[in-house]
Amino acid sequence: MALNYIWIAFFVIGFIVALGQLIFFGNTQIFNEMVASVFSSAKTGFEISLGLTGVLTLWLGLMKVGEKGGVVAIMGKLFGPLFVKLFPDLPKGHPAYGSIILNISANMLGLDNAATPMGLKAMKEMQDANPKKDTASNSQIMFLVLNASGLTIIPISIIVYRTQLGAVNPADIFIPIMIATFFATLVGLISVAIIQKINLFDRIILAYLGGLTAIVTGIVFYFTTLPKEQITSISTFSANFLLLSVIMLFIVLAFIKKVNVYDSFIEGAKEGFSIAINIVPFLVAILVAIGVFRASGSMDFIISGISHFFEWLGVDTQFVGALPVAFMKPLSGSGARGLMIDAMTTHGADSFIGRLSCTFQGATDTTFYILAVYFGSVGIKNTRYAVGCGLLADLAGAVAAVFVAYLFFA
């Protein structure tokens, strides 16, 4: 429903702004530009969707190999002790623990198709232990905020879009996204833990969070010591090496478990082809709406206002052009994806704005969509502080994305 209102708003605002330019400035060309944008955006959306077919087929095939090889289960065992501490209201041995661990693990690996069903199952299992059926329990809120913060190790879809839009090295946003999404998750988790009075100084929680924080801090510190010209090359090498290592791990684990690697790849690849075809109408719809909004001058007006504000504060304003993605992400994943593609199409996939837009897109998940789907599936109406903590995580991810983008790409 949110995307429906956003889509209409793009058209209505764009038309009103264009009408204002016609009345006050006599700009008769603005409607010609908007109509031209409608057709060019539709063409761009179709071409991108068509080009995604090969890359999506490849990645979803590889992910199916990893899934059958037991990677999700391994990650579940790896993070299981932490999740038991973060959901103290659930009885020991509660079936929701298994679904929670599998959902978070699948999200971290970018396995959206596997993550959502397990997430809905986890929410239903937690609802069984919830004494107030129309009010979100502490465990459900923690689970939702962890999902909304969008901790992702492998941002497959973003790499796919960067590939299609001609990025020299599509994976160069791998490490920046990993850092930004980590900070979003950390802030979301801490905010919920403080409200729920979860002991963050528990030795198991400290071991996990301290270890992860130390790793991310070490990565940031290492790159701050490098000359600017070396940061991109080293981060690109690291990202490519990690991705290839993960692919090899998927294949080796599947082979050890005597999984037919080739058949599993084909099974996942078929899903990739169907997904690429199915997203054509959605991508065309959102890109046409954004094209009208941008051609009317509305986007430039907003960006200009924000830019002038930060200039007044004496802050560098390179990042402002990518802010629409950050603003849209909590409301609509499809809308934010469209704005990310629009930013890369307009400024270039390897431009600072293009890369920062990708980092914004990967830093968090779509808070309001997740809230509607997960809580709606079990009839929860009183969400308590879930929205506030989710949006705080979104803000942390956006701020971290800006700082990391300046470190890696400025």
Foldseek 3Di string as FASTA:
>chain_A
DLVVVVLVCLQVVLVVLLVVCCVPVVPPCLVVQLVVLLVVLLVVLQLLLVQLLVLLLQVLLLVLLLVLLCQLVVQLVVCLVVLCLLQVLDDPPQPLSVLLSSLLSCLQAVVVVRNVVSLLVSLVSVCVVDPDLQEDDLSRLLSLLLQFLRQYQDPSVQLSSLVSQDPPQSQLLRLLLNLLSLQLNVLLSVVSCVVVVRPCVPVVNCVVNVVVVVVSVVVLVVLVPDDQVVQSVVSSVVRVVVVVVVSVVSNVSSVVVVHPSVVSSNVSSVVSNVVSVVCSVLLSSLSSSNSSSVSSVNLVVVLVVVQVVVVVVVHDSPQSQLCVLLVCFQSDLSNSVSSLSVQCNVPNCQALSNSLSSSLSSRGHHSVVSCCVNSVSSNHDHHDCSSVSSVSSSVSSNVSSVVSSVSRRD
